[in-house]
Amino acid sequence: MGAPHADEPSSPTPQLDPRALLEAVPGAMVLIDAEGSVRWVNRAMEAMSGYAEHELLGTNMLDHVDLTWNPLALESIGYAMDTPGERLPTMLRFRDARGGLLVMEVTANNQFDVPGVEGMVVHLRPADERHLLDQILESFVAGEDLVTTMACVHAVAASDTLRADAAVVLLRPGAGGPSVLASSPEVEALITLGGAEAPWSLAAAEEVPMLLDGLEALPTRIAAAAADQGYEACWSHPVSRPGTDYVDAVLVFWRRERGAPEPNATMMAGRLVSLCEMILERVEHSRQMAFAATHDVLTGLPNRARFFEAVDEHLTVSTGPIGVLYLDLDGFKPVNDEHGHGYGDRVLEEVAVRLRASVRVGDTVARLGGDEFAIACPGASEADLVALAERVLAVVRAPITAEDRVLRVGTTVGIARGERASSSTDVLVAAADAALLEAKASAKGTWRLAPR
């Protein structure tokens, strides 16, 4: 068949629908006016953001952006706003309808001078995995909070390799169970359905990944809820503390397609596990540093600084009374001299345990230094404080068994009571200390109440 003759009519040019073309673009698109208000979005933007079109129209684009994350992005968009025809790429973090933060590659295209458009065309697409992995490290180095850093982990999980919604299950035995940092409320709800038989619990207990290529092996209640959310597979990876076998967390991936992990997905999951190990190690180190700054290393009790803070806090926020017991140990120096400092430390540890067992919930027991201890009792009456002093005298003078030796110490207690209108922390503690000295001058192993 030859080429058409010059005078033959050509096929009619199809009429193109610009809006339909924009809807077909593989990426989220938004049209905003000079004030930043959203005038139009495509279906991809609805799917990416979780918002319906009517929820976005009329809102300001900046209200959906984390303005603190990349201030230079705002400068780029502002420059594009002022420069007709300018097309500037940048990166920003978009807040979706569920509150999640999505790292996006954004191109802002100034089309204010184009008839029929007359606005800024903004194209958003998820950042590539390499950049998302960099974001985890940048968040880590910047010392951002755990929620923000784990949001970067969730972004990698949602990208092309894993195509999963993720949750980090933080294991905190004895502290109300595990806490969950999930990519969405729906994923968090699935995790909270778990028990000992949930795959993430088994991964933690057995210290091996639990890779379910379908929902059949899940407990019935979890499988039903997962199916309702459109999930078809669940992979759980334990996150161990570096250099130990202790599992700090489990990284859980929920997938909307059946199947075991492909090799590249296994590799990416391993990278995320390693990053989570590093992140949680920093969190634990920070926790230990904060604890050491406010607690006595030997006994684990709050230290002098934390004790004064506790009394200050009560006097600042409450108009009610607070009592302070100030005590030191009688006969402690002979224990150190005759048996050695190791046995002296054992006495201090045991006294701390006994004091903690003697107080009410809400009271603060502290080691102020050496053999000096103090107890803060918010809301305590004079009778309450005297009764506590009697208990303290009794529990401290009870024999302490350390290895093959029986050690004995006693204590003397000074008591003071005050309230915000008539006292300060320094005055209250000084009064309790003075009462202690008066008691010791009279007879050790007794208590003395400071005059008000």
Protein backbone atom coordinates (compact mmCIF):
# COMPACT_ATOMS: atom_id res chain seq x y z
CA MET A 1 0.00 0.00 0.00
CA GLY A 2 1.48 3.32 -1.07
CA ALA A 3 1.43 6.68 0.60
CA PRO A 4 -1.85 8.62 0.26
CA HIS A 5 -2.08 10.92 -2.74
CA ALA A 6 -1.70 14.62 -2.03
CA ASP A 7 -5.30 15.41 -2.92
CA GLU A 8 -6.77 12.50 -0.92
CA PRO A 9 -8.49 13.58 2.30
CA SER A 10 -6.42 12.74 5.40
CA SER A 11 -7.84 10.99 8.47
CA PRO A 12 -9.40 13.47 10.86
CA THR A 13 -7.22 14.45 13.83
CA PRO A 14 -8.79 13.05 17.00
CA GLN A 15 -10.12 15.63 19.42
CA LEU A 16 -8.12 15.35 22.64
CA ASP A 17 -9.62 15.98 26.05
CA PRO A 18 -6.93 17.77 28.12
CA ARG A 19 -8.65 16.86 31.39
CA ALA A 20 -8.74 13.18 30.40
CA LEU A 21 -5.05 13.35 29.52
CA LEU A 22 -4.23 14.82 32.93
CA GLU A 23 -6.29 12.13 34.62
CA ALA A 24 -4.19 9.54 32.78
CA VAL A 25 -0.85 10.96 33.94
CA PRO A 26 0.87 8.37 36.18
CA GLY A 27 1.25 10.64 39.17
CA ALA A 28 -0.66 12.98 41.41
CA MET A 29 -1.41 16.39 39.91
CA VAL A 30 -2.78 19.51 41.56
CA LEU A 31 -3.66 22.92 40.17
CA ILE A 32 -3.28 25.78 42.64
CA ASP A 33 -3.91 29.50 42.35
CA ALA A 34 -1.61 32.37 43.31
CA GLU A 35 -2.68 32.08 46.96
CA GLY A 36 -1.92 28.36 47.08
CA SER A 37 -5.56 27.26 47.10
CA VAL A 38 -6.33 23.96 45.37
CA ARG A 39 -8.47 24.42 42.23
CA TRP A 40 -8.29 20.93 40.71
CA VAL A 41 -6.85 17.48 41.46
CA ASN A 42 -6.69 14.28 39.45
CA ARG A 43 -7.76 10.83 40.61
CA ALA A 44 -4.14 9.83 41.30
CA MET A 45 -3.96 12.68 43.83
CA GLU A 46 -7.07 11.38 45.57
CA ALA A 47 -5.60 7.87 45.71
CA MET A 48 -2.21 9.05 46.94
CA SER A 49 -3.50 11.47 49.57
CA GLY A 50 -6.48 9.50 50.84
CA TYR A 51 -8.64 12.62 50.42
CA ALA A 52 -11.71 12.85 48.20
CA GLU A 53 -11.64 15.62 45.60
CA HIS A 54 -14.14 17.79 47.49
CA GLU A 55 -11.97 17.56 50.64
CA LEU A 56 -9.01 19.08 48.81
CA LEU A 57 -10.69 21.74 46.67
CA GLY A 58 -10.44 25.15 48.29
CA THR A 59 -7.86 24.12 50.86
CA ASN A 60 -4.41 25.65 50.88
CA MET A 61 -1.74 23.31 49.55
CA LEU A 62 0.65 24.36 52.32
CA ASP A 63 -1.78 23.06 54.95
CA HIS A 64 -0.98 19.55 53.70
CA VAL A 65 2.80 19.99 53.80
CA ASP A 66 5.29 19.54 56.66
CA LEU A 67 6.72 23.07 56.52
CA THR A 68 9.61 22.28 58.87
CA TRP A 69 11.09 19.40 56.89
CA ASN A 70 12.58 21.14 53.84
CA PRO A 71 12.26 24.94 54.01
CA LEU A 72 14.12 25.23 50.68
CA ALA A 73 11.15 23.53 49.01
CA LEU A 74 9.00 26.53 49.89
CA GLU A 75 11.61 28.88 48.44
CA SER A 76 11.62 26.85 45.21
CA ILE A 77 7.84 26.94 44.92
CA GLY A 78 7.80 30.66 45.72
CA TYR A 79 10.37 31.31 42.99
CA ALA A 80 8.32 29.30 40.50
CA MET A 81 5.20 31.28 41.46
CA ASP A 82 6.97 34.51 40.49
CA THR A 83 8.54 33.24 37.26
CA PRO A 84 6.21 32.50 34.30
CA GLY A 85 7.05 29.22 32.56
CA GLU A 86 9.43 28.17 35.34
CA ARG A 87 9.48 24.44 36.12
CA LEU A 88 11.26 23.62 39.38
CA PRO A 89 11.71 20.17 40.94
CA THR A 90 12.01 19.83 44.71
CA MET A 91 11.27 17.46 47.62
CA LEU A 92 8.68 17.85 50.34
CA ARG A 93 6.81 15.83 52.92
CA PHE A 94 3.05 15.62 52.28
CA ARG A 95 0.61 14.85 55.10
CA ASP A 96 -2.04 12.40 53.92
CA ALA A 97 -5.60 11.98 55.21
CA ARG A 98 -4.45 9.47 57.83
CA GLY A 99 -1.81 11.81 59.21
CA GLY A 100 1.08 9.93 57.60
CA LEU A 101 3.99 11.88 56.10
CA LEU A 102 4.88 10.94 52.52
CA VAL A 103 8.22 11.99 51.04
CA MET A 104 7.40 13.24 47.55
CA GLU A 105 9.31 14.43 44.50
CA VAL A 106 7.48 17.57 43.42
CA THR A 107 7.64 19.59 40.22
CA ALA A 108 5.99 23.02 40.30
CA ASN A 109 5.21 24.39 36.80
CA ASN A 110 4.17 28.03 36.47
CA GLN A 111 1.30 28.15 33.95
CA PHE A 112 -0.41 31.33 35.11
CA ASP A 113 0.00 32.87 31.63
CA VAL A 114 -1.53 29.88 29.82
CA PRO A 115 -5.21 30.44 28.93
CA GLY A 116 -7.46 27.79 30.40
CA VAL A 117 -4.88 26.85 33.02
CA GLU A 118 -3.94 30.08 34.75
CA GLY A 119 -2.37 28.46 37.77
CA MET A 120 0.53 26.47 39.13
CA VAL A 121 0.53 22.85 37.99
CA VAL A 122 2.07 20.71 40.72
CA HIS A 123 3.11 17.13 39.94
CA LEU A 124 3.81 14.84 42.92
CA ARG A 125 5.19 11.33 42.93
CA PRO A 126 6.73 9.19 45.67
CA ALA A 127 10.46 9.66 46.06
CA ASP A 128 12.59 6.78 44.79
CA GLU A 129 13.79 4.18 47.28
CA ARG A 130 17.38 5.38 47.34
CA HIS A 131 16.25 8.82 48.42
CA LEU A 132 13.82 7.35 50.94
CA LEU A 133 16.62 5.28 52.48
CA ASP A 134 18.72 8.44 52.69
CA GLN A 135 15.83 10.10 54.52
CA ILE A 136 15.97 7.44 57.23
CA LEU A 137 19.66 8.15 57.79
CA GLU A 138 19.16 11.92 57.69
CA SER A 139 16.37 11.66 60.26
CA PHE A 140 18.59 9.45 62.42
CA VAL A 141 21.57 11.81 62.25
CA ALA A 142 19.36 14.83 62.96
CA GLY A 143 18.13 13.14 66.13
CA GLU A 144 14.48 13.39 65.12
CA ASP A 145 11.92 11.67 67.31
CA LEU A 146 11.13 7.99 66.85
CA VAL A 147 7.75 8.59 65.22
CA THR A 148 9.27 10.81 62.53
CA THR A 149 12.16 8.45 61.82
CA MET A 150 9.91 5.40 61.62
CA ALA A 151 7.65 7.28 59.20
CA CYS A 152 10.63 7.25 56.83
CA VAL A 153 10.87 3.46 57.30
CA HIS A 154 7.18 3.18 56.42
CA ALA A 155 7.78 5.21 53.25
CA VAL A 156 10.43 2.74 52.06
CA ALA A 157 8.15 -0.19 52.84
CA ALA A 158 5.40 1.35 50.72
CA SER A 159 7.65 1.89 47.69
CA ASP A 160 8.21 -0.33 44.68
CA THR A 161 10.23 -3.21 46.15
CA LEU A 162 8.15 -4.19 49.18
CA ARG A 163 4.82 -2.59 48.25
CA ALA A 164 3.68 -3.01 51.84
CA ASP A 165 2.06 -1.16 54.70
CA ALA A 166 4.35 -1.44 57.70
CA ALA A 167 4.30 -1.39 61.47
CA VAL A 168 7.11 -1.43 64.02
CA VAL A 169 5.98 -3.30 67.12
CA LEU A 170 8.07 -2.13 70.08
CA LEU A 171 8.33 -4.84 72.73
CA ARG A 172 8.06 -3.53 76.28
CA PRO A 173 7.47 -6.48 78.60
CA GLY A 174 5.88 -5.52 81.89
CA ALA A 175 5.05 -1.97 80.75
CA GLY A 176 1.58 -2.42 79.34
CA GLY A 177 2.55 -4.58 76.39
CA PRO A 178 4.08 -3.60 73.05
CA SER A 179 3.51 -0.20 71.51
CA VAL A 180 3.01 0.18 67.78
CA LEU A 181 4.35 2.69 65.26
CA ALA A 182 2.22 1.95 62.22
CA SER A 183 1.88 3.48 58.78
CA SER A 184 -1.89 3.84 59.29
CA PRO A 185 -4.60 3.41 61.95
CA GLU A 186 -5.83 0.34 60.06
CA VAL A 187 -2.45 -1.38 60.36
CA GLU A 188 -2.22 -0.44 64.03
CA ALA A 189 -5.67 -1.94 64.62
CA LEU A 190 -4.52 -5.23 63.07
CA ILE A 191 -1.48 -5.37 65.34
CA THR A 192 -3.56 -4.72 68.46
CA LEU A 193 -5.65 -7.80 67.62
CA GLY A 194 -2.58 -10.00 68.08
CA GLY A 195 -1.77 -12.27 70.96
CA ALA A 196 0.90 -14.86 71.61
CA GLU A 197 -0.11 -16.69 68.44
CA ALA A 198 0.22 -13.66 66.15
CA PRO A 199 3.13 -13.97 63.69
CA TRP A 200 4.88 -10.89 65.08
CA SER A 201 4.70 -12.39 68.58
CA LEU A 202 6.11 -15.67 67.27
CA ALA A 203 8.88 -13.84 65.40
CA ALA A 204 9.89 -12.15 68.66
CA ALA A 205 9.70 -15.33 70.72
CA GLU A 206 11.53 -17.56 68.24
CA GLU A 207 13.88 -14.81 66.97
CA VAL A 208 13.27 -15.76 63.32
CA PRO A 209 11.20 -14.15 60.54
CA MET A 210 7.63 -15.39 60.15
CA LEU A 211 6.77 -15.05 56.46
CA LEU A 212 3.12 -15.86 55.71
CA ASP A 213 2.39 -15.92 51.97
CA GLY A 214 -1.35 -15.92 52.68
CA LEU A 215 -3.81 -15.30 55.49
CA GLU A 216 -4.64 -18.94 56.23
CA ALA A 217 -2.06 -19.33 59.01
CA LEU A 218 -3.20 -16.20 60.83
CA PRO A 219 -5.53 -16.44 63.84
CA THR A 220 -9.11 -16.21 62.58
CA ARG A 221 -9.86 -12.78 64.03
CA ILE A 222 -6.71 -11.26 62.52
CA ALA A 223 -7.22 -12.97 59.15
CA ALA A 224 -10.78 -11.66 58.89
CA ALA A 225 -9.76 -8.11 59.75
CA ALA A 226 -6.80 -8.26 57.35
CA ALA A 227 -9.00 -9.51 54.52
CA ASP A 228 -11.43 -6.64 55.16
CA GLN A 229 -8.52 -4.24 54.62
CA GLY A 230 -7.52 -5.96 51.39
CA TYR A 231 -4.33 -7.58 52.70
CA GLU A 232 -3.27 -11.01 51.45
CA ALA A 233 0.14 -11.67 53.07
CA CYS A 234 2.02 -10.79 56.26
CA TRP A 235 5.77 -10.84 56.86
CA SER A 236 7.22 -10.32 60.35
CA HIS A 237 10.94 -9.71 60.97
CA PRO A 238 12.49 -9.56 64.47
CA VAL A 239 14.67 -6.54 65.24
CA SER A 240 17.42 -7.52 67.67
CA ARG A 241 19.57 -5.30 69.85
CA PRO A 242 23.01 -5.17 68.18
CA GLY A 243 25.48 -7.61 69.72
CA THR A 244 22.77 -9.50 71.61
CA ASP A 245 19.97 -11.99 71.08
CA TYR A 246 17.47 -9.68 72.76
CA VAL A 247 14.61 -8.74 70.40
CA ASP A 248 13.64 -5.08 70.83
CA ALA A 249 10.96 -4.93 68.15
CA VAL A 250 9.33 -6.65 65.20
CA LEU A 251 9.00 -5.07 61.76
CA VAL A 252 5.71 -6.19 60.19
CA PHE A 253 4.83 -5.85 56.50
CA TRP A 254 1.24 -6.22 55.28
CA ARG A 255 0.95 -6.89 51.55
CA ARG A 256 -2.05 -6.64 49.22
CA GLU A 257 -0.79 -9.53 47.10
CA ARG A 258 -0.18 -13.14 48.01
CA GLY A 259 3.23 -14.73 48.01
CA ALA A 260 6.52 -15.17 49.79
CA PRO A 261 9.13 -12.40 49.55
CA GLU A 262 10.99 -12.13 46.26
CA PRO A 263 14.82 -11.98 46.58
CA ASN A 264 14.89 -8.20 46.20
CA ALA A 265 12.10 -7.83 48.78
CA THR A 266 14.06 -10.02 51.19
CA MET A 267 17.10 -7.81 50.69
CA MET A 268 15.13 -4.60 51.26
CA ALA A 269 13.46 -6.01 54.36
CA GLY A 270 16.90 -6.91 55.70
CA ARG A 271 18.13 -3.37 55.11
CA LEU A 272 15.16 -1.94 56.97
CA VAL A 273 15.69 -4.35 59.87
CA SER A 274 19.33 -3.22 60.12
CA LEU A 275 18.28 0.43 60.08
CA CYS A 276 15.65 -0.22 62.75
CA GLU A 277 18.29 -1.92 64.91
CA MET A 278 20.47 1.18 64.64
CA ILE A 279 17.56 3.53 65.36
CA LEU A 280 16.37 1.61 68.41
CA GLU A 281 19.91 1.33 69.76
CA ARG A 282 20.13 5.13 69.71
CA VAL A 283 16.74 5.39 71.42
CA GLU A 284 17.87 3.01 74.17
CA HIS A 285 21.15 4.90 74.59
CA SER A 286 19.26 8.19 74.89
CA ARG A 287 16.91 6.62 77.43
CA GLN A 288 19.83 5.38 79.50
CA MET A 289 21.53 8.77 79.38
CA ALA A 290 18.34 10.51 80.49
CA PHE A 291 17.86 7.97 83.29
CA ALA A 292 21.47 8.37 84.47
CA ALA A 293 21.04 12.14 84.65
CA THR A 294 18.14 11.84 87.08
CA HIS A 295 18.78 8.59 88.96
CA ASP A 296 21.29 7.04 91.32
CA VAL A 297 23.32 4.37 89.53
CA LEU A 298 23.62 2.01 92.51
CA THR A 299 20.03 1.91 93.77
CA GLY A 300 18.08 3.06 90.71
CA LEU A 301 16.31 5.63 92.88
CA PRO A 302 15.80 9.22 91.75
CA ASN A 303 18.81 11.35 92.64
CA ARG A 304 18.98 14.67 94.51
CA ALA A 305 18.21 16.74 91.39
CA ARG A 306 15.17 14.66 90.48
CA PHE A 307 13.91 14.71 94.07
CA PHE A 308 14.02 18.51 94.18
CA GLU A 309 12.25 18.58 90.79
CA ALA A 310 9.48 16.32 92.14
CA VAL A 311 8.86 18.58 95.13
CA ASP A 312 9.05 21.69 92.91
CA GLU A 313 6.50 20.19 90.52
CA HIS A 314 4.03 19.55 93.33
CA LEU A 315 4.42 23.01 94.84
CA THR A 316 4.00 24.56 91.38
CA VAL A 317 0.85 22.75 90.24
CA SER A 318 -0.93 21.91 93.50
CA THR A 319 -2.25 23.96 96.38
CA GLY A 320 -2.33 20.88 98.60
CA PRO A 321 0.30 19.99 101.22
CA ILE A 322 3.39 17.88 100.70
CA GLY A 323 5.49 16.11 103.28
CA VAL A 324 9.23 15.40 103.20
CA LEU A 325 11.05 12.74 105.20
CA TYR A 326 14.84 13.20 105.40
CA LEU A 327 16.85 10.29 106.77
CA ASP A 328 20.34 8.90 107.00
CA LEU A 329 21.60 5.52 108.17
CA ASP A 330 22.88 4.90 111.67
CA GLY A 331 25.74 2.42 111.88
CA PHE A 332 26.51 2.50 108.17
CA LYS A 333 30.16 3.57 108.53
CA PRO A 334 31.06 0.50 110.66
CA VAL A 335 29.60 -1.75 107.93
CA ASN A 336 31.94 -0.17 105.37
CA ASP A 337 34.91 -0.23 107.75
CA GLU A 338 34.47 -3.82 108.98
CA HIS A 339 33.09 -5.58 105.89
CA GLY A 340 34.18 -3.41 102.95
CA HIS A 341 32.41 -1.12 100.52
CA GLY A 342 30.88 -4.03 98.60
CA TYR A 343 28.80 -4.91 101.63
CA GLY A 344 28.05 -1.23 102.18
CA ASP A 345 26.64 -1.07 98.66
CA ARG A 346 24.54 -4.13 99.37
CA VAL A 347 23.06 -2.38 102.42
CA LEU A 348 22.21 0.72 100.36
CA GLU A 349 20.53 -1.40 97.68
CA GLU A 350 18.44 -3.29 100.24
CA VAL A 351 17.43 -0.12 102.09
CA ALA A 352 16.28 1.36 98.76
CA VAL A 353 14.11 -1.71 98.11
CA ARG A 354 12.57 -1.55 101.58
CA LEU A 355 11.86 2.17 101.39
CA ARG A 356 10.13 1.78 98.03
CA ALA A 357 7.97 -0.98 99.50
CA SER A 358 6.97 1.24 102.43
CA VAL A 359 5.54 4.25 100.60
CA ARG A 360 2.26 4.98 98.84
CA VAL A 361 1.70 5.10 95.11
CA GLY A 362 2.71 8.60 94.02
CA ASP A 363 5.37 9.09 96.69
CA THR A 364 8.98 9.64 95.58
CA VAL A 365 11.88 7.85 97.27
CA ALA A 366 15.33 9.27 96.44
CA ARG A 367 18.94 8.71 97.38
CA LEU A 368 20.46 12.13 97.95
CA GLY A 369 24.03 10.85 98.27
CA GLY A 370 26.12 8.70 100.58
CA ASP A 371 23.78 7.14 103.14
CA GLU A 372 21.17 9.92 102.90
CA PHE A 373 17.67 9.26 101.57
CA ALA A 374 14.52 11.35 101.25
CA ILE A 375 10.84 10.68 100.63
CA ALA A 376 8.34 13.16 99.15
CA CYS A 377 4.68 12.51 100.04
CA PRO A 378 2.19 14.70 98.12
CA GLY A 379 -1.10 15.26 99.94
CA ALA A 380 0.03 13.49 103.11
CA SER A 381 -1.40 14.49 106.48
CA GLU A 382 0.75 14.86 109.56
CA ALA A 383 -0.55 11.50 110.78
CA ASP A 384 0.35 9.89 107.44
CA LEU A 385 3.92 11.18 107.71
CA VAL A 386 4.37 9.99 111.27
CA ALA A 387 3.02 6.54 110.35
CA LEU A 388 5.43 6.37 107.41
CA ALA A 389 8.35 7.39 109.63
CA GLU A 390 7.50 4.55 112.02
CA ARG A 391 7.41 2.08 109.10
CA VAL A 392 10.75 3.36 107.83
CA LEU A 393 12.38 2.94 111.25
CA ALA A 394 11.12 -0.64 111.43
CA VAL A 395 12.09 -1.80 107.93
CA VAL A 396 15.57 -0.27 108.03
CA ARG A 397 16.56 -1.78 111.37
CA ALA A 398 15.55 -5.30 110.26
CA PRO A 399 18.67 -7.47 109.63
CA ILE A 400 20.12 -7.53 106.11
CA THR A 401 21.58 -10.81 104.87
CA ALA A 402 24.43 -10.42 102.40
CA GLU A 403 26.00 -13.71 101.31
CA ASP A 404 27.19 -15.32 104.58
CA ARG A 405 26.89 -12.23 106.75
CA VAL A 406 24.10 -10.54 108.67
CA LEU A 407 24.39 -6.76 108.62
CA ARG A 408 22.53 -4.29 110.81
CA VAL A 409 21.91 -0.59 110.42
CA GLY A 410 19.28 1.82 111.66
CA THR A 411 18.00 5.24 110.70
CA THR A 412 16.83 8.54 112.11
CA VAL A 413 14.13 10.59 110.38
CA GLY A 414 13.35 14.29 110.10
CA ILE A 415 9.86 15.28 108.93
CA ALA A 416 8.62 18.55 107.44
CA ARG A 417 5.27 19.46 105.91
CA GLY A 418 4.34 22.49 103.83
CA GLU A 419 2.35 23.85 100.91
CA ARG A 420 2.79 26.32 98.07
CA ALA A 421 1.40 29.30 99.95
CA SER A 422 3.89 29.04 102.80
CA SER A 423 6.88 27.05 101.58
CA SER A 424 9.43 26.34 98.87
CA THR A 425 11.40 23.21 98.09
CA ASP A 426 14.60 24.55 99.64
CA VAL A 427 12.81 25.66 102.80
CA LEU A 428 10.92 22.38 103.13
CA VAL A 429 13.97 20.15 102.67
CA ALA A 430 16.05 22.33 104.99
CA ALA A 431 13.36 22.03 107.67
CA ALA A 432 13.32 18.24 107.34
CA ASP A 433 17.13 18.15 107.53
CA ALA A 434 17.11 20.33 110.66
CA ALA A 435 14.50 18.05 112.25
CA LEU A 436 16.75 15.07 111.46
CA LEU A 437 19.70 16.70 113.22
CA GLU A 438 17.53 17.47 116.26
CA ALA A 439 16.36 13.86 116.40
CA LYS A 440 19.91 12.49 116.15
CA ALA A 441 21.06 14.85 118.90
CA SER A 442 18.30 13.52 121.12
CA ALA A 443 18.33 9.81 120.30
CA LYS A 444 19.19 7.88 117.13
CA GLY A 445 16.54 5.58 115.75
CA THR A 446 13.76 8.12 116.29
CA TRP A 447 11.86 10.69 114.24
CA ARG A 448 11.30 14.41 114.76
CA LEU A 449 8.61 16.62 113.19
CA ALA A 450 9.69 20.14 112.24
CA PRO A 451 7.49 22.94 113.61
CA ARG A 452 5.30 24.68 111.01
